[in-house]
Amino acid sequence: PATLDRFAELAEGAEAARGDDSLELLAVARATVQSALADGQSEAPCRLVRALAVGLAAQPKAVAFAREQAPELVADLLIASSSDLVPSGECEQVLDLIAEKCKPRELYTFLIEALCGDELVGSVRIRGIRQ
């Protein structure tokens, strides 16, 4: 089943199993983290941040799953960073790793979404796809 823990395992470098759906795992991870942040709980956001840190910092290269999914989590990481539930230094480290390891076009799309909300997202995504 899709859980935050399974998302974290894959982000840290575990082999994908048959039936692992990246989009479903991402949606569940985001919903779990957003719910935890709204409830003032730190366990889920900390788990996500640490998993992304491990996966993106992996050597000789970042874990593909973490690199592919991380840009979509920028908004959640920014919220977690300002929440005082997750050490802001850890969030900053992950945001720096995302900037370093992920495709700029994807990062910019989700960063704009995080900063502007849904209003500009459609045209930004279409423009990003064309380039």
N, C-alpha and C. Protein backbone atom coordinates (compact mmCIF):
# COMPACT_ATOMS: atom_id res chain seq x y z
N PRO A 1 0.83 -1.20 0.00
CA PRO A 1 0.00 0.00 0.00
C PRO A 1 0.87 1.27 0.00
N ALA A 2 0.33 2.32 -0.53
CA ALA A 2 1.04 3.60 -0.58
C ALA A 2 1.03 4.24 0.80
N THR A 3 2.20 4.47 1.35
CA THR A 3 2.34 5.11 2.66
C THR A 3 3.52 6.07 2.61
N LEU A 4 3.58 6.94 3.59
CA LEU A 4 4.73 7.83 3.70
C LEU A 4 6.01 7.02 3.90
N ASP A 5 5.93 5.97 4.70
CA ASP A 5 7.12 5.14 4.93
C ASP A 5 7.63 4.51 3.64
N ARG A 6 6.72 4.04 2.79
CA ARG A 6 7.15 3.44 1.52
C ARG A 6 7.76 4.51 0.63
N PHE A 7 7.17 5.68 0.60
CA PHE A 7 7.74 6.79 -0.16
C PHE A 7 9.16 7.07 0.34
N ALA A 8 9.32 7.15 1.66
CA ALA A 8 10.63 7.44 2.25
C ALA A 8 11.64 6.35 1.91
N GLU A 9 11.22 5.09 1.96
CA GLU A 9 12.13 3.99 1.61
C GLU A 9 12.63 4.13 0.18
N LEU A 10 11.73 4.42 -0.74
CA LEU A 10 12.13 4.60 -2.14
C LEU A 10 13.02 5.82 -2.31
N ALA A 11 12.72 6.89 -1.61
CA ALA A 11 13.54 8.10 -1.68
C ALA A 11 14.95 7.85 -1.16
N GLU A 12 15.06 6.94 -0.21
CA GLU A 12 16.37 6.60 0.36
C GLU A 12 17.14 5.59 -0.48
N GLY A 13 16.49 5.03 -1.50
CA GLY A 13 17.21 4.13 -2.40
C GLY A 13 16.72 2.71 -2.46
N ALA A 14 15.62 2.38 -1.80
CA ALA A 14 15.08 1.02 -1.87
C ALA A 14 14.63 0.72 -3.30
N GLU A 15 14.68 -0.54 -3.66
CA GLU A 15 14.23 -0.95 -4.99
C GLU A 15 12.71 -0.84 -5.07
N ALA A 16 12.24 -0.35 -6.19
CA ALA A 16 10.79 -0.27 -6.41
C ALA A 16 10.24 -1.68 -6.56
N ALA A 17 9.09 -1.89 -5.96
CA ALA A 17 8.41 -3.19 -6.05
C ALA A 17 7.30 -3.09 -7.07
N ARG A 18 6.88 -4.23 -7.52
CA ARG A 18 5.75 -4.27 -8.43
C ARG A 18 4.54 -3.68 -7.71
N GLY A 19 3.87 -2.79 -8.34
CA GLY A 19 2.71 -2.17 -7.72
C GLY A 19 2.99 -0.83 -7.07
N ASP A 20 4.27 -0.44 -6.96
CA ASP A 20 4.59 0.89 -6.44
C ASP A 20 4.22 1.92 -7.50
N ASP A 21 3.30 2.80 -7.18
CA ASP A 21 2.85 3.84 -8.10
C ASP A 21 3.40 5.17 -7.59
N SER A 22 4.33 5.75 -8.34
CA SER A 22 4.99 6.99 -7.91
C SER A 22 4.02 8.11 -7.61
N LEU A 23 3.03 8.29 -8.48
CA LEU A 23 2.07 9.37 -8.27
C LEU A 23 1.23 9.15 -7.02
N GLU A 24 0.82 7.92 -6.80
CA GLU A 24 0.04 7.61 -5.60
C GLU A 24 0.88 7.78 -4.35
N LEU A 25 2.12 7.30 -4.40
CA LEU A 25 3.02 7.45 -3.25
C LEU A 25 3.26 8.92 -2.93
N LEU A 26 3.49 9.72 -3.97
CA LEU A 26 3.70 11.15 -3.77
C LEU A 26 2.48 11.81 -3.16
N ALA A 27 1.30 11.49 -3.67
CA ALA A 27 0.05 12.07 -3.15
C ALA A 27 -0.16 11.71 -1.69
N VAL A 28 0.10 10.45 -1.34
CA VAL A 28 -0.07 10.01 0.04
C VAL A 28 0.96 10.69 0.94
N ALA A 29 2.20 10.78 0.47
CA ALA A 29 3.25 11.44 1.26
C ALA A 29 2.89 12.90 1.52
N ARG A 30 2.45 13.59 0.48
CA ARG A 30 2.08 15.01 0.64
C ARG A 30 0.90 15.16 1.59
N ALA A 31 -0.12 14.34 1.42
CA ALA A 31 -1.30 14.43 2.29
C ALA A 31 -0.94 14.14 3.74
N THR A 32 -0.10 13.14 3.95
CA THR A 32 0.32 12.78 5.31
C THR A 32 1.09 13.91 5.96
N VAL A 33 2.01 14.49 5.22
CA VAL A 33 2.83 15.59 5.76
C VAL A 33 1.96 16.83 6.00
N GLN A 34 1.10 17.16 5.07
CA GLN A 34 0.24 18.34 5.24
C GLN A 34 -0.68 18.18 6.44
N SER A 35 -1.23 16.99 6.62
CA SER A 35 -2.10 16.72 7.76
C SER A 35 -1.33 16.84 9.08
N ALA A 36 -0.13 16.27 9.09
CA ALA A 36 0.70 16.34 10.30
C ALA A 36 1.05 17.78 10.64
N LEU A 37 1.42 18.56 9.64
CA LEU A 37 1.76 19.96 9.88
C LEU A 37 0.55 20.72 10.41
N ALA A 38 -0.62 20.46 9.85
CA ALA A 38 -1.85 21.12 10.32
C ALA A 38 -2.18 20.75 11.75
N ASP A 39 -1.82 19.52 12.15
CA ASP A 39 -2.09 19.04 13.51
C ASP A 39 -0.95 19.33 14.48
N GLY A 40 0.12 19.98 14.00
CA GLY A 40 1.24 20.30 14.87
C GLY A 40 2.10 19.11 15.24
N GLN A 41 2.13 18.10 14.38
CA GLN A 41 2.93 16.89 14.64
C GLN A 41 4.16 16.90 13.75
N SER A 42 5.29 16.50 14.31
CA SER A 42 6.55 16.60 13.57
C SER A 42 7.04 15.30 12.95
N GLU A 43 6.53 14.16 13.36
CA GLU A 43 7.10 12.88 12.92
C GLU A 43 7.09 12.72 11.40
N ALA A 44 5.95 12.92 10.77
CA ALA A 44 5.85 12.72 9.31
C ALA A 44 6.71 13.71 8.53
N PRO A 45 6.64 15.01 8.82
CA PRO A 45 7.50 15.92 8.06
C PRO A 45 8.99 15.66 8.27
N CYS A 46 9.37 15.30 9.48
CA CYS A 46 10.78 14.99 9.74
C CYS A 46 11.21 13.75 8.95
N ARG A 47 10.34 12.75 8.89
CA ARG A 47 10.64 11.52 8.14
C ARG A 47 10.85 11.85 6.67
N LEU A 48 9.98 12.67 6.12
CA LEU A 48 10.10 13.05 4.72
C LEU A 48 11.39 13.83 4.45
N VAL A 49 11.67 14.80 5.28
CA VAL A 49 12.87 15.63 5.09
C VAL A 49 14.12 14.78 5.18
N ARG A 50 14.19 13.90 6.15
CA ARG A 50 15.39 13.06 6.31
C ARG A 50 15.55 12.07 5.16
N ALA A 51 14.43 11.51 4.68
CA ALA A 51 14.50 10.58 3.55
C ALA A 51 15.00 11.29 2.29
N LEU A 52 14.49 12.48 2.04
CA LEU A 52 14.95 13.24 0.87
C LEU A 52 16.42 13.62 1.01
N ALA A 53 16.84 13.97 2.22
CA ALA A 53 18.25 14.32 2.44
C ALA A 53 19.15 13.13 2.12
N VAL A 54 18.76 11.95 2.58
CA VAL A 54 19.55 10.74 2.31
C VAL A 54 19.60 10.45 0.81
N GLY A 55 18.43 10.46 0.18
CA GLY A 55 18.36 10.12 -1.24
C GLY A 55 19.06 11.11 -2.15
N LEU A 56 18.89 12.39 -1.88
CA LEU A 56 19.49 13.40 -2.74
C LEU A 56 20.99 13.53 -2.52
N ALA A 57 21.48 13.18 -1.34
CA ALA A 57 22.91 13.27 -1.04
C ALA A 57 23.65 11.98 -1.36
N ALA A 58 22.94 10.95 -1.82
CA ALA A 58 23.57 9.66 -2.10
C ALA A 58 24.70 9.82 -3.13
N GLN A 59 25.73 9.02 -2.96
CA GLN A 59 26.89 9.05 -3.85
C GLN A 59 27.00 7.70 -4.55
N PRO A 60 27.41 7.60 -5.76
CA PRO A 60 27.98 8.67 -6.58
C PRO A 60 26.95 9.60 -7.19
N LYS A 61 25.67 9.21 -7.17
CA LYS A 61 24.65 10.14 -7.66
C LYS A 61 23.37 9.98 -6.86
N ALA A 62 22.54 11.00 -6.91
CA ALA A 62 21.30 11.01 -6.13
C ALA A 62 20.39 9.86 -6.56
N VAL A 63 19.58 9.38 -5.62
CA VAL A 63 18.61 8.33 -5.91
C VAL A 63 17.59 8.90 -6.90
N ALA A 64 17.35 8.18 -7.98
CA ALA A 64 16.46 8.67 -9.05
C ALA A 64 15.07 9.01 -8.52
N PHE A 65 14.50 8.16 -7.67
CA PHE A 65 13.15 8.42 -7.15
C PHE A 65 13.12 9.74 -6.38
N ALA A 66 14.11 9.98 -5.54
CA ALA A 66 14.16 11.23 -4.76
C ALA A 66 14.33 12.42 -5.69
N ARG A 67 15.21 12.29 -6.67
CA ARG A 67 15.46 13.38 -7.62
C ARG A 67 14.22 13.71 -8.44
N GLU A 68 13.45 12.69 -8.81
CA GLU A 68 12.26 12.91 -9.63
C GLU A 68 11.08 13.47 -8.83
N GLN A 69 10.93 13.06 -7.58
CA GLN A 69 9.77 13.45 -6.79
C GLN A 69 9.98 14.73 -5.97
N ALA A 70 11.21 15.04 -5.62
CA ALA A 70 11.50 16.16 -4.72
C ALA A 70 10.96 17.51 -5.18
N PRO A 71 11.06 17.87 -6.47
CA PRO A 71 10.57 19.19 -6.85
C PRO A 71 9.10 19.43 -6.48
N GLU A 72 8.29 18.38 -6.54
CA GLU A 72 6.87 18.55 -6.21
C GLU A 72 6.64 18.79 -4.72
N LEU A 73 7.65 18.56 -3.92
CA LEU A 73 7.52 18.71 -2.47
C LEU A 73 8.03 20.06 -1.97
N VAL A 74 8.45 20.93 -2.86
CA VAL A 74 9.02 22.22 -2.46
C VAL A 74 8.06 23.01 -1.57
N ALA A 75 6.80 23.09 -1.95
CA ALA A 75 5.82 23.85 -1.14
C ALA A 75 5.72 23.27 0.26
N ASP A 76 5.66 21.95 0.36
CA ASP A 76 5.55 21.32 1.67
C ASP A 76 6.81 21.53 2.50
N LEU A 77 7.96 21.51 1.84
CA LEU A 77 9.22 21.75 2.55
C LEU A 77 9.31 23.19 3.06
N LEU A 78 8.84 24.13 2.27
CA LEU A 78 8.83 25.52 2.72
C LEU A 78 7.90 25.71 3.92
N ILE A 79 6.75 25.07 3.88
CA ILE A 79 5.81 25.14 5.01
C ILE A 79 6.42 24.48 6.24
N ALA A 80 7.03 23.30 6.04
CA ALA A 80 7.65 22.59 7.16
C ALA A 80 8.77 23.42 7.78
N SER A 81 9.55 24.07 6.93
CA SER A 81 10.66 24.88 7.41
C SER A 81 10.20 26.03 8.29
N SER A 82 9.08 26.63 7.94
CA SER A 82 8.58 27.77 8.72
C SER A 82 7.70 27.35 9.89
N SER A 83 7.48 26.06 10.06
CA SER A 83 6.54 25.58 11.08
C SER A 83 7.17 25.39 12.46
N ASP A 84 8.47 25.35 12.53
CA ASP A 84 9.19 25.04 13.78
C ASP A 84 8.99 23.59 14.21
N LEU A 85 8.35 22.76 13.41
CA LEU A 85 8.19 21.34 13.72
C LEU A 85 9.35 20.52 13.18
N VAL A 86 9.99 21.04 12.16
CA VAL A 86 11.14 20.39 11.54
C VAL A 86 12.30 21.38 11.64
N PRO A 87 13.48 20.91 12.04
CA PRO A 87 14.62 21.84 12.11
C PRO A 87 14.82 22.54 10.76
N SER A 88 14.81 23.86 10.78
CA SER A 88 14.88 24.61 9.52
C SER A 88 16.19 24.34 8.78
N GLY A 89 17.25 24.04 9.51
CA GLY A 89 18.53 23.70 8.86
C GLY A 89 18.42 22.46 8.01
N GLU A 90 17.66 21.47 8.48
CA GLU A 90 17.46 20.24 7.70
C GLU A 90 16.65 20.53 6.45
N CYS A 91 15.62 21.35 6.58
CA CYS A 91 14.81 21.72 5.40
C CYS A 91 15.66 22.50 4.41
N GLU A 92 16.47 23.42 4.90
CA GLU A 92 17.34 24.20 4.01
C GLU A 92 18.32 23.30 3.28
N GLN A 93 18.86 22.31 3.98
CA GLN A 93 19.78 21.37 3.35
C GLN A 93 19.09 20.64 2.20
N VAL A 94 17.87 20.17 2.44
CA VAL A 94 17.12 19.46 1.39
C VAL A 94 16.79 20.41 0.24
N LEU A 95 16.38 21.62 0.54
CA LEU A 95 16.09 22.58 -0.53
C LEU A 95 17.33 22.88 -1.36
N ASP A 96 18.49 22.98 -0.71
CA ASP A 96 19.75 23.17 -1.44
C ASP A 96 20.06 21.97 -2.33
N LEU A 97 19.84 20.76 -1.79
CA LEU A 97 20.08 19.55 -2.58
C LEU A 97 19.13 19.47 -3.77
N ILE A 98 17.88 19.88 -3.57
CA ILE A 98 16.92 19.89 -4.68
C ILE A 98 17.41 20.84 -5.77
N ALA A 99 17.87 22.02 -5.37
CA ALA A 99 18.36 23.00 -6.35
C ALA A 99 19.57 22.46 -7.10
N GLU A 100 20.39 21.68 -6.42
CA GLU A 100 21.62 21.15 -7.02
C GLU A 100 21.36 19.91 -7.88
N LYS A 101 20.47 19.04 -7.45
CA LYS A 101 20.34 17.72 -8.08
C LYS A 101 19.16 17.56 -9.04
N CYS A 102 18.16 18.41 -8.94
CA CYS A 102 16.94 18.22 -9.74
C CYS A 102 16.96 19.10 -10.99
N LYS A 103 16.12 18.74 -11.94
CA LYS A 103 16.04 19.49 -13.19
C LYS A 103 15.48 20.88 -12.91
N PRO A 104 16.19 21.92 -13.35
CA PRO A 104 15.74 23.29 -13.06
C PRO A 104 14.32 23.59 -13.53
N ARG A 105 13.94 23.10 -14.70
CA ARG A 105 12.60 23.41 -15.22
C ARG A 105 11.52 22.89 -14.28
N GLU A 106 11.70 21.67 -13.78
CA GLU A 106 10.71 21.12 -12.84
C GLU A 106 10.72 21.88 -11.53
N LEU A 107 11.90 22.20 -11.06
CA LEU A 107 12.02 22.94 -9.81
C LEU A 107 11.34 24.29 -9.90
N TYR A 108 11.58 25.02 -10.98
CA TYR A 108 10.98 26.34 -11.12
C TYR A 108 9.46 26.27 -11.18
N THR A 109 8.94 25.28 -11.88
CA THR A 109 7.49 25.12 -11.98
C THR A 109 6.87 24.97 -10.60
N PHE A 110 7.44 24.07 -9.79
CA PHE A 110 6.86 23.81 -8.47
C PHE A 110 7.18 24.92 -7.48
N LEU A 111 8.29 25.61 -7.66
CA LEU A 111 8.61 26.75 -6.81
C LEU A 111 7.62 27.88 -7.06
N ILE A 112 7.31 28.13 -8.31
CA ILE A 112 6.31 29.16 -8.63
C ILE A 112 4.96 28.77 -8.05
N GLU A 113 4.61 27.49 -8.17
CA GLU A 113 3.35 27.01 -7.59
C GLU A 113 3.33 27.25 -6.08
N ALA A 114 4.45 26.97 -5.42
CA ALA A 114 4.53 27.15 -3.97
C ALA A 114 4.38 28.61 -3.58
N LEU A 115 4.96 29.49 -4.37
CA LEU A 115 4.96 30.91 -4.03
C LEU A 115 3.70 31.64 -4.47
N CYS A 116 3.08 31.19 -5.56
CA CYS A 116 1.94 31.92 -6.14
C CYS A 116 0.61 31.22 -5.98
N GLY A 117 0.60 30.01 -5.54
CA GLY A 117 -0.66 29.27 -5.47
C GLY A 117 -1.03 28.72 -6.83
N ASP A 118 -2.29 28.44 -7.02
CA ASP A 118 -2.75 27.76 -8.23
C ASP A 118 -2.98 28.68 -9.42
N GLU A 119 -2.95 29.99 -9.23
CA GLU A 119 -3.34 30.91 -10.29
C GLU A 119 -2.45 30.84 -11.53
N LEU A 120 -1.15 30.74 -11.33
CA LEU A 120 -0.23 30.75 -12.46
C LEU A 120 0.20 29.37 -12.91
N VAL A 121 -0.18 28.37 -12.17
CA VAL A 121 0.36 27.03 -12.38
C VAL A 121 0.10 26.49 -13.78
N GLY A 122 -1.11 26.59 -14.27
CA GLY A 122 -1.44 26.03 -15.58
C GLY A 122 -0.58 26.58 -16.69
N SER A 123 -0.47 27.90 -16.78
CA SER A 123 0.32 28.49 -17.86
C SER A 123 1.81 28.22 -17.68
N VAL A 124 2.28 28.16 -16.47
CA VAL A 124 3.69 27.87 -16.22
C VAL A 124 4.02 26.45 -16.65
N ARG A 125 3.16 25.50 -16.31
CA ARG A 125 3.41 24.10 -16.70
C ARG A 125 3.39 23.96 -18.22
N ILE A 126 2.44 24.58 -18.87
CA ILE A 126 2.37 24.49 -20.33
C ILE A 126 3.63 25.08 -20.95
N ARG A 127 4.04 26.21 -20.44
CA ARG A 127 5.24 26.85 -20.95
C ARG A 127 6.47 25.99 -20.69
N GLY A 128 6.57 25.37 -19.50
CA GLY A 128 7.69 24.50 -19.17
C GLY A 128 7.74 23.28 -20.07
N ILE A 129 6.59 22.75 -20.44
CA ILE A 129 6.54 21.57 -21.30
C ILE A 129 7.02 21.92 -22.71
N ARG A 130 6.67 23.10 -23.17
CA ARG A 130 7.07 23.52 -24.52
C ARG A 130 8.57 23.70 -24.64
N GLN A 131 9.24 24.07 -23.56
CA GLN A 131 10.68 24.36 -23.62
C GLN A 131 11.41 23.11 -23.55
